[in-house]
Amino acid sequence: MGEEGQVISCHTVDAWNQQLQNGKNKLVLCFISYPDFMHSFNHTYWGVEAMPTFLLLKDGKTVSKVVGAKKEELQQTIIKHAGNSGSSS
């Protein structure tokens, strides 16, 4: 992702954060703006071809991707992976 010592700006959207956390799992929601993403990250490596793209990472690996502003799909995907701590599928 970023180089050691590099500061990457992340903004948590409180409404989504509160809605998506169920109190049983530690979730970190990190939102990176398009300009920051294009200048700081290799979008080809991450497979980002459209905005918005939501990447769900577990142990530094992409476990799922939601393309588009699909709140219900994103919510279900997050819940699925947050409740599946023993596997990365």
PDB file of N, CA and C in Angstrom:
ATOM      1  N   MET A   1       0.842  -1.164   0.000  1.00  0.00           N
ATOM      2  CA  MET A   1       0.000   0.000   0.000  1.00  0.00           C
ATOM      3  C   MET A   1       0.891   1.231   0.000  1.00  0.00           C
ATOM      4  N   GLY A   2       1.035   1.927   1.109  1.00  0.00           N
ATOM      5  CA  GLY A   2       1.908   3.078   1.144  1.00  0.00           C
ATOM      6  C   GLY A   2       3.279   2.696   1.649  1.00  0.00           C
ATOM      7  N   GLU A   3       4.204   3.605   1.486  1.00  0.00           N
ATOM      8  CA  GLU A   3       5.553   3.355   1.966  1.00  0.00           C
ATOM      9  C   GLU A   3       5.597   3.567   3.475  1.00  0.00           C
ATOM     10  N   GLU A   4       6.582   2.959   4.125  1.00  0.00           N
ATOM     11  CA  GLU A   4       6.736   3.119   5.560  1.00  0.00           C
ATOM     12  C   GLU A   4       6.896   4.589   5.898  1.00  0.00           C
ATOM     13  N   GLY A   5       6.165   5.035   6.899  1.00  0.00           N
ATOM     14  CA  GLY A   5       6.232   6.424   7.324  1.00  0.00           C
ATOM     15  C   GLY A   5       5.318   7.353   6.551  1.00  0.00           C
ATOM     16  N   GLN A   6       4.708   6.867   5.480  1.00  0.00           N
ATOM     17  CA  GLN A   6       3.819   7.693   4.665  1.00  0.00           C
ATOM     18  C   GLN A   6       2.468   7.814   5.368  1.00  0.00           C
ATOM     19  N   VAL A   7       1.938   9.016   5.429  1.00  0.00           N
ATOM     20  CA  VAL A   7       0.635   9.241   6.038  1.00  0.00           C
ATOM     21  C   VAL A   7      -0.413   9.195   4.941  1.00  0.00           C
ATOM     22  N   ILE A   8      -1.417   8.345   5.142  1.00  0.00           N
ATOM     23  CA  ILE A   8      -2.507   8.224   4.183  1.00  0.00           C
ATOM     24  C   ILE A   8      -3.764   8.727   4.869  1.00  0.00           C
ATOM     25  N   SER A   9      -4.427   9.675   4.248  1.00  0.00           N
ATOM     26  CA  SER A   9      -5.614  10.280   4.829  1.00  0.00           C
ATOM     27  C   SER A   9      -6.807   9.342   4.708  1.00  0.00           C
ATOM     28  N   CYS A  10      -7.411   9.007   5.841  1.00  0.00           N
ATOM     29  CA  CYS A  10      -8.608   8.162   5.865  1.00  0.00           C
ATOM     30  C   CYS A  10      -9.706   8.916   6.603  1.00  0.00           C
ATOM     31  N   HIS A  11     -10.881   8.895   6.056  1.00  0.00           N
ATOM     32  CA  HIS A  11     -12.010   9.585   6.665  1.00  0.00           C
ATOM     33  C   HIS A  11     -13.123   8.575   6.918  1.00  0.00           C
ATOM     34  N   THR A  12     -13.557   8.478   8.162  1.00  0.00           N
ATOM     35  CA  THR A  12     -14.644   7.573   8.504  1.00  0.00           C
ATOM     36  C   THR A  12     -15.953   8.330   8.387  1.00  0.00           C
ATOM     37  N   VAL A  13     -16.900   7.742   7.714  1.00  0.00           N
ATOM     38  CA  VAL A  13     -18.231   8.315   7.617  1.00  0.00           C
ATOM     39  C   VAL A  13     -19.034   7.740   8.778  1.00  0.00           C
ATOM     40  N   ASP A  14     -19.339   8.592   9.755  1.00  0.00           N
ATOM     41  CA  ASP A  14     -19.951   8.131  11.001  1.00  0.00           C
ATOM     42  C   ASP A  14     -21.253   7.370  10.797  1.00  0.00           C
ATOM     43  N   ALA A  15     -22.112   7.846   9.906  1.00  0.00           N
ATOM     44  CA  ALA A  15     -23.405   7.176   9.712  1.00  0.00           C
ATOM     45  C   ALA A  15     -23.211   5.737   9.244  1.00  0.00           C
ATOM     46  N   TRP A  16     -22.351   5.524   8.247  1.00  0.00           N
ATOM     47  CA  TRP A  16     -22.098   4.164   7.751  1.00  0.00           C
ATOM     48  C   TRP A  16     -21.376   3.348   8.809  1.00  0.00           C
ATOM     49  N   ASN A  17     -20.448   3.961   9.497  1.00  0.00           N
ATOM     50  CA  ASN A  17     -19.693   3.263  10.532  1.00  0.00           C
ATOM     51  C   ASN A  17     -20.645   2.697  11.584  1.00  0.00           C
ATOM     52  N   GLN A  18     -21.569   3.519  12.078  1.00  0.00           N
ATOM     53  CA  GLN A  18     -22.512   3.080  13.097  1.00  0.00           C
ATOM     54  C   GLN A  18     -23.459   2.014  12.562  1.00  0.00           C
ATOM     55  N   GLN A  19     -23.890   2.154  11.322  1.00  0.00           N
ATOM     56  CA  GLN A  19     -24.818   1.196  10.738  1.00  0.00           C
ATOM     57  C   GLN A  19     -24.164  -0.158  10.494  1.00  0.00           C
ATOM     58  N   LEU A  20     -22.900  -0.170  10.124  1.00  0.00           N
ATOM     59  CA  LEU A  20     -22.251  -1.408   9.713  1.00  0.00           C
ATOM     60  C   LEU A  20     -21.600  -2.178  10.854  1.00  0.00           C
ATOM     61  N   GLN A  21     -21.269  -1.497  11.923  1.00  0.00           N
ATOM     62  CA  GLN A  21     -20.652  -2.209  13.041  1.00  0.00           C
ATOM     63  C   GLN A  21     -21.738  -2.871  13.872  1.00  0.00           C
ATOM     64  N   ASN A  22     -21.533  -4.110  14.205  1.00  0.00           N
ATOM     65  CA  ASN A  22     -22.540  -4.821  14.996  1.00  0.00           C
ATOM     66  C   ASN A  22     -22.106  -5.021  16.444  1.00  0.00           C
ATOM     67  N   GLY A  23     -20.992  -4.443  16.834  1.00  0.00           N
ATOM     68  CA  GLY A  23     -20.543  -4.530  18.216  1.00  0.00           C
ATOM     69  C   GLY A  23     -19.765  -5.791  18.546  1.00  0.00           C
ATOM     70  N   LYS A  24     -19.777  -6.775  17.663  1.00  0.00           N
ATOM     71  CA  LYS A  24     -19.087  -8.040  17.921  1.00  0.00           C
ATOM     72  C   LYS A  24     -17.745  -8.115  17.207  1.00  0.00           C
ATOM     73  N   ASN A  25     -17.581  -7.336  16.178  1.00  0.00           N
ATOM     74  CA  ASN A  25     -16.366  -7.395  15.369  1.00  0.00           C
ATOM     75  C   ASN A  25     -15.749  -6.011  15.279  1.00  0.00           C
ATOM     76  N   LYS A  26     -14.455  -5.982  15.192  1.00  0.00           N
ATOM     77  CA  LYS A  26     -13.756  -4.714  15.018  1.00  0.00           C
ATOM     78  C   LYS A  26     -13.651  -4.438  13.524  1.00  0.00           C
ATOM     79  N   LEU A  27     -14.350  -3.404  13.090  1.00  0.00           N
ATOM     80  CA  LEU A  27     -14.305  -3.001  11.690  1.00  0.00           C
ATOM     81  C   LEU A  27     -13.635  -1.648  11.592  1.00  0.00           C
ATOM     82  N   VAL A  28     -12.820  -1.469  10.599  1.00  0.00           N
ATOM     83  CA  VAL A  28     -12.217  -0.178  10.327  1.00  0.00           C
ATOM     84  C   VAL A  28     -12.655   0.226   8.936  1.00  0.00           C
ATOM     85  N   LEU A  29     -13.388   1.321   8.856  1.00  0.00           N
ATOM     86  CA  LEU A  29     -13.818   1.829   7.563  1.00  0.00           C
ATOM     87  C   LEU A  29     -12.866   2.935   7.160  1.00  0.00           C
ATOM     88  N   CYS A  30     -12.260   2.778   6.035  1.00  0.00           N
ATOM     89  CA  CYS A  30     -11.261   3.729   5.559  1.00  0.00           C
ATOM     90  C   CYS A  30     -11.692   4.224   4.187  1.00  0.00           C
ATOM     91  N   PHE A  31     -11.938   5.504   4.065  1.00  0.00           N
ATOM     92  CA  PHE A  31     -12.349   6.085   2.801  1.00  0.00           C
ATOM     93  C   PHE A  31     -11.215   6.938   2.256  1.00  0.00           C
ATOM     94  N   ILE A  32     -10.818   6.661   1.053  1.00  0.00           N
ATOM     95  CA  ILE A  32      -9.721   7.390   0.419  1.00  0.00           C
ATOM     96  C   ILE A  32     -10.281   8.092  -0.803  1.00  0.00           C
ATOM     97  N   SER A  33     -10.052   9.388  -0.897  1.00  0.00           N
ATOM     98  CA  SER A  33     -10.597  10.160  -2.011  1.00  0.00           C
ATOM     99  C   SER A  33      -9.936   9.752  -3.324  1.00  0.00           C
ATOM    100  N   TYR A  34     -10.628  10.008  -4.407  1.00  0.00           N
ATOM    101  CA  TYR A  34     -10.128   9.645  -5.731  1.00  0.00           C
ATOM    102  C   TYR A  34      -8.741  10.230  -6.009  1.00  0.00           C
ATOM    103  N   PRO A  35      -8.517  11.547  -5.797  1.00  0.00           N
ATOM    104  CA  PRO A  35      -7.167  12.084  -6.077  1.00  0.00           C
ATOM    105  C   PRO A  35      -6.081  11.434  -5.222  1.00  0.00           C
ATOM    106  N   ASP A  36      -6.371  11.208  -3.935  1.00  0.00           N
ATOM    107  CA  ASP A  36      -5.388  10.549  -3.068  1.00  0.00           C
ATOM    108  C   ASP A  36      -5.105   9.140  -3.558  1.00  0.00           C
ATOM    109  N   PHE A  37      -6.155   8.440  -3.965  1.00  0.00           N
ATOM    110  CA  PHE A  37      -6.002   7.065  -4.435  1.00  0.00           C
ATOM    111  C   PHE A  37      -5.146   7.023  -5.691  1.00  0.00           C
ATOM    112  N   MET A  38      -5.449   7.878  -6.656  1.00  0.00           N
ATOM    113  CA  MET A  38      -4.739   7.856  -7.933  1.00  0.00           C
ATOM    114  C   MET A  38      -3.277   8.266  -7.778  1.00  0.00           C
ATOM    115  N   HIS A  39      -2.979   9.106  -6.794  1.00  0.00           N
ATOM    116  CA  HIS A  39      -1.601   9.569  -6.621  1.00  0.00           C
ATOM    117  C   HIS A  39      -0.798   8.693  -5.666  1.00  0.00           C
ATOM    118  N   SER A  40      -1.468   7.988  -4.764  1.00  0.00           N
ATOM    119  CA  SER A  40      -0.758   7.255  -3.720  1.00  0.00           C
ATOM    120  C   SER A  40      -0.783   5.741  -3.873  1.00  0.00           C
ATOM    121  N   PHE A  41      -1.677   5.231  -4.711  1.00  0.00           N
ATOM    122  CA  PHE A  41      -1.858   3.790  -4.812  1.00  0.00           C
ATOM    123  C   PHE A  41      -1.782   3.336  -6.258  1.00  0.00           C
ATOM    124  N   ASN A  42      -1.452   2.089  -6.441  1.00  0.00           N
ATOM    125  CA  ASN A  42      -1.442   1.481  -7.766  1.00  0.00           C
ATOM    126  C   ASN A  42      -2.840   0.921  -8.014  1.00  0.00           C
ATOM    127  N   HIS A  43      -3.700   1.706  -8.710  1.00  0.00           N
ATOM    128  CA  HIS A  43      -5.087   1.285  -8.906  1.00  0.00           C
ATOM    129  C   HIS A  43      -5.192   0.012  -9.738  1.00  0.00           C
ATOM    130  N   THR A  44      -4.218  -0.259 -10.592  1.00  0.00           N
ATOM    131  CA  THR A  44      -4.221  -1.494 -11.372  1.00  0.00           C
ATOM    132  C   THR A  44      -3.991  -2.690 -10.453  1.00  0.00           C
ATOM    133  N   TYR A  45      -3.068  -2.563  -9.518  1.00  0.00           N
ATOM    134  CA  TYR A  45      -2.796  -3.637  -8.558  1.00  0.00           C
ATOM    135  C   TYR A  45      -4.054  -3.995  -7.772  1.00  0.00           C
ATOM    136  N   TRP A  46      -4.793  -2.976  -7.351  1.00  0.00           N
ATOM    137  CA  TRP A  46      -5.984  -3.204  -6.549  1.00  0.00           C
ATOM    138  C   TRP A  46      -7.198  -3.570  -7.400  1.00  0.00           C
ATOM    139  N   GLY A  47      -7.090  -3.474  -8.719  1.00  0.00           N
ATOM    140  CA  GLY A  47      -8.199  -3.839  -9.597  1.00  0.00           C
ATOM    141  C   GLY A  47      -9.316  -2.819  -9.613  1.00  0.00           C
ATOM    142  N   VAL A  48      -9.000  -1.569  -9.355  1.00  0.00           N
ATOM    143  CA  VAL A  48     -10.015  -0.520  -9.347  1.00  0.00           C
ATOM    144  C   VAL A  48     -10.131   0.063 -10.746  1.00  0.00           C
ATOM    145  N   GLU A  49     -11.315  -0.089 -11.324  1.00  0.00           N
ATOM    146  CA  GLU A  49     -11.567   0.419 -12.672  1.00  0.00           C
ATOM    147  C   GLU A  49     -12.676   1.454 -12.693  1.00  0.00           C
ATOM    148  N   ALA A  50     -13.402   1.606 -11.592  1.00  0.00           N
ATOM    149  CA  ALA A  50     -14.504   2.559 -11.516  1.00  0.00           C
ATOM    150  C   ALA A  50     -14.605   3.086 -10.091  1.00  0.00           C
ATOM    151  N   MET A  51     -15.253   4.230  -9.974  1.00  0.00           N
ATOM    152  CA  MET A  51     -15.477   4.819  -8.657  1.00  0.00           C
ATOM    153  C   MET A  51     -16.973   4.940  -8.435  1.00  0.00           C
ATOM    154  N   PRO A  52     -17.473   4.666  -7.255  1.00  0.00           N
ATOM    155  CA  PRO A  52     -16.709   4.172  -6.118  1.00  0.00           C
ATOM    156  C   PRO A  52     -16.469   2.670  -6.212  1.00  0.00           C
ATOM    157  N   THR A  53     -15.361   2.244  -5.679  1.00  0.00           N
ATOM    158  CA  THR A  53     -15.047   0.825  -5.525  1.00  0.00           C
ATOM    159  C   THR A  53     -14.702   0.598  -4.060  1.00  0.00           C
ATOM    160  N   PHE A  54     -15.339  -0.382  -3.468  1.00  0.00           N
ATOM    161  CA  PHE A  54     -15.109  -0.715  -2.067  1.00  0.00           C
ATOM    162  C   PHE A  54     -14.342  -2.025  -2.006  1.00  0.00           C
ATOM    163  N   LEU A  55     -13.152  -1.979  -1.446  1.00  0.00           N
ATOM    164  CA  LEU A  55     -12.325  -3.173  -1.288  1.00  0.00           C
ATOM    165  C   LEU A  55     -12.398  -3.613   0.163  1.00  0.00           C
ATOM    166  N   LEU A  56     -12.692  -4.865   0.379  1.00  0.00           N
ATOM    167  CA  LEU A  56     -12.696  -5.411   1.728  1.00  0.00           C
ATOM    168  C   LEU A  56     -11.421  -6.208   1.896  1.00  0.00           C
ATOM    169  N   LEU A  57     -10.609  -5.770   2.846  1.00  0.00           N
ATOM    170  CA  LEU A  57      -9.312  -6.395   3.087  1.00  0.00           C
ATOM    171  C   LEU A  57      -9.333  -7.127   4.415  1.00  0.00           C
ATOM    172  N   LYS A  58      -8.675  -8.250   4.446  1.00  0.00           N
ATOM    173  CA  LYS A  58      -8.488  -9.002   5.679  1.00  0.00           C
ATOM    174  C   LYS A  58      -7.058  -9.500   5.662  1.00  0.00           C
ATOM    175  N   ASP A  59      -6.305  -9.157   6.692  1.00  0.00           N
ATOM    176  CA  ASP A  59      -4.894  -9.530   6.779  1.00  0.00           C
ATOM    177  C   ASP A  59      -4.114  -9.043   5.561  1.00  0.00           C
ATOM    178  N   GLY A  60      -4.460  -7.847   5.060  1.00  0.00           N
ATOM    179  CA  GLY A  60      -3.739  -7.244   3.940  1.00  0.00           C
ATOM    180  C   GLY A  60      -4.087  -7.786   2.570  1.00  0.00           C
ATOM    181  N   LYS A  61      -5.067  -8.682   2.497  1.00  0.00           N
ATOM    182  CA  LYS A  61      -5.451  -9.274   1.209  1.00  0.00           C
ATOM    183  C   LYS A  61      -6.896  -8.927   0.888  1.00  0.00           C
ATOM    184  N   THR A  62      -7.174  -8.688  -0.385  1.00  0.00           N
ATOM    185  CA  THR A  62      -8.535  -8.399  -0.814  1.00  0.00           C
ATOM    186  C   THR A  62      -9.376  -9.669  -0.727  1.00  0.00           C
ATOM    187  N   VAL A  63     -10.465  -9.610   0.035  1.00  0.00           N
ATOM    188  CA  VAL A  63     -11.361 -10.761   0.155  1.00  0.00           C
ATOM    189  C   VAL A  63     -12.660 -10.546  -0.610  1.00  0.00           C
ATOM    190  N   SER A  64     -12.957  -9.284  -0.942  1.00  0.00           N
ATOM    191  CA  SER A  64     -14.167  -8.997  -1.700  1.00  0.00           C
ATOM    192  C   SER A  64     -14.090  -7.580  -2.250  1.00  0.00           C
ATOM    193  N   LYS A  65     -14.883  -7.338  -3.282  1.00  0.00           N
ATOM    194  CA  LYS A  65     -14.913  -6.016  -3.909  1.00  0.00           C
ATOM    195  C   LYS A  65     -16.350  -5.712  -4.311  1.00  0.00           C
ATOM    196  N   VAL A  66     -16.808  -4.494  -4.012  1.00  0.00           N
ATOM    197  CA  VAL A  66     -18.126  -4.028  -4.430  1.00  0.00           C
ATOM    198  C   VAL A  66     -17.899  -2.787  -5.277  1.00  0.00           C
ATOM    199  N   VAL A  67     -18.368  -2.833  -6.515  1.00  0.00           N
ATOM    200  CA  VAL A  67     -18.207  -1.705  -7.431  1.00  0.00           C
ATOM    201  C   VAL A  67     -19.541  -0.978  -7.531  1.00  0.00           C
ATOM    202  N   GLY A  68     -19.509   0.323  -7.294  1.00  0.00           N
ATOM    203  CA  GLY A  68     -20.719   1.132  -7.360  1.00  0.00           C
ATOM    204  C   GLY A  68     -21.253   1.448  -5.974  1.00  0.00           C
ATOM    205  N   ALA A  69     -22.144   2.429  -5.930  1.00  0.00           N
ATOM    206  CA  ALA A  69     -22.732   2.862  -4.657  1.00  0.00           C
ATOM    207  C   ALA A  69     -23.915   1.967  -4.318  1.00  0.00           C
ATOM    208  N   LYS A  70     -23.613   0.744  -3.942  1.00  0.00           N
ATOM    209  CA  LYS A  70     -24.627  -0.273  -3.643  1.00  0.00           C
ATOM    210  C   LYS A  70     -24.609  -0.541  -2.144  1.00  0.00           C
ATOM    211  N   LYS A  71     -25.302   0.314  -1.407  1.00  0.00           N
ATOM    212  CA  LYS A  71     -25.238   0.270   0.056  1.00  0.00           C
ATOM    213  C   LYS A  71     -25.635  -1.094   0.620  1.00  0.00           C
ATOM    214  N   GLU A  72     -26.739  -1.668   0.153  1.00  0.00           N
ATOM    215  CA  GLU A  72     -27.193  -2.955   0.692  1.00  0.00           C
ATOM    216  C   GLU A  72     -26.185  -4.070   0.407  1.00  0.00           C
ATOM    217  N   GLU A  73     -25.672  -4.108  -0.833  1.00  0.00           N
ATOM    218  CA  GLU A  73     -24.676  -5.132  -1.181  1.00  0.00           C
ATOM    219  C   GLU A  73     -23.413  -4.951  -0.349  1.00  0.00           C
ATOM    220  N   LEU A  74     -22.990  -3.710  -0.189  1.00  0.00           N
ATOM    221  CA  LEU A  74     -21.801  -3.425   0.612  1.00  0.00           C
ATOM    222  C   LEU A  74     -22.018  -3.849   2.060  1.00  0.00           C
ATOM    223  N   GLN A  75     -23.172  -3.503   2.605  1.00  0.00           N
ATOM    224  CA  GLN A  75     -23.474  -3.857   3.988  1.00  0.00           C
ATOM    225  C   GLN A  75     -23.467  -5.371   4.176  1.00  0.00           C
ATOM    226  N   GLN A  76     -24.110  -6.106   3.296  1.00  0.00           N
ATOM    227  CA  GLN A  76     -24.157  -7.560   3.413  1.00  0.00           C
ATOM    228  C   GLN A  76     -22.765  -8.184   3.260  1.00  0.00           C
ATOM    229  N   THR A  77     -21.964  -7.626   2.364  1.00  0.00           N
ATOM    230  CA  THR A  77     -20.611  -8.142   2.159  1.00  0.00           C
ATOM    231  C   THR A  77     -19.749  -7.913   3.392  1.00  0.00           C
ATOM    232  N   ILE A  78     -19.876  -6.735   3.990  1.00  0.00           N
ATOM    233  CA  ILE A  78     -19.112  -6.433   5.202  1.00  0.00           C
ATOM    234  C   ILE A  78     -19.539  -7.359   6.338  1.00  0.00           C
ATOM    235  N   ILE A  79     -20.840  -7.522   6.514  1.00  0.00           N
ATOM    236  CA  ILE A  79     -21.345  -8.395   7.577  1.00  0.00           C
ATOM    237  C   ILE A  79     -20.856  -9.823   7.368  1.00  0.00           C
ATOM    238  N   LYS A  80     -20.894 -10.284   6.131  1.00  0.00           N
ATOM    239  CA  LYS A  80     -20.438 -11.642   5.812  1.00  0.00           C
ATOM    240  C   LYS A  80     -18.984 -11.848   6.235  1.00  0.00           C
ATOM    241  N   HIS A  81     -18.122 -10.914   5.869  1.00  0.00           N
ATOM    242  CA  HIS A  81     -16.695 -11.081   6.156  1.00  0.00           C
ATOM    243  C   HIS A  81     -16.347 -10.758   7.606  1.00  0.00           C
ATOM    244  N   ALA A  82     -17.080  -9.848   8.224  1.00  0.00           N
ATOM    245  CA  ALA A  82     -16.815  -9.517   9.625  1.00  0.00           C
ATOM    246  C   ALA A  82     -17.173 -10.687  10.528  1.00  0.00           C
ATOM    247  N   GLY A  83     -18.163 -11.457  10.130  1.00  0.00           N
ATOM    248  CA  GLY A  83     -18.577 -12.603  10.921  1.00  0.00           C
ATOM    249  C   GLY A  83     -17.809 -13.859  10.598  1.00  0.00           C
ATOM    250  N   ASN A  84     -16.890 -13.782   9.632  1.00  0.00           N
ATOM    251  CA  ASN A  84     -16.150 -14.955   9.164  1.00  0.00           C
ATOM    252  C   ASN A  84     -14.674 -14.757   9.457  1.00  0.00           C
ATOM    253  N   SER A  85     -14.328 -14.710  10.749  1.00  0.00           N
ATOM    254  CA  SER A  85     -12.950 -14.388  11.134  1.00  0.00           C
ATOM    255  C   SER A  85     -11.969 -15.523  10.912  1.00  0.00           C
ATOM    256  N   GLY A  86     -12.451 -16.738  10.711  1.00  0.00           N
ATOM    257  CA  GLY A  86     -11.538 -17.862  10.561  1.00  0.00           C
ATOM    258  C   GLY A  86     -11.109 -18.132   9.145  1.00  0.00           C
ATOM    259  N   SER A  87     -11.731 -17.453   8.169  1.00  0.00           N
ATOM    260  CA  SER A  87     -11.447 -17.729   6.760  1.00  0.00           C
ATOM    261  C   SER A  87     -11.392 -16.431   5.997  1.00  0.00           C
ATOM    262  N   SER A  88     -10.689 -16.430   4.876  1.00  0.00           N
ATOM    263  CA  SER A  88     -10.606 -15.219   4.056  1.00  0.00           C
ATOM    264  C   SER A  88     -11.349 -15.388   2.750  1.00  0.00           C
ATOM    265  N   SER A  89     -12.355 -16.233   2.672  1.00  0.00           N
ATOM    266  CA  SER A  89     -13.111 -16.416   1.433  1.00  0.00           C
ATOM    267  C   SER A  89     -14.422 -15.700   1.450  1.00  0.00           C
TER     268      SER A  89
END
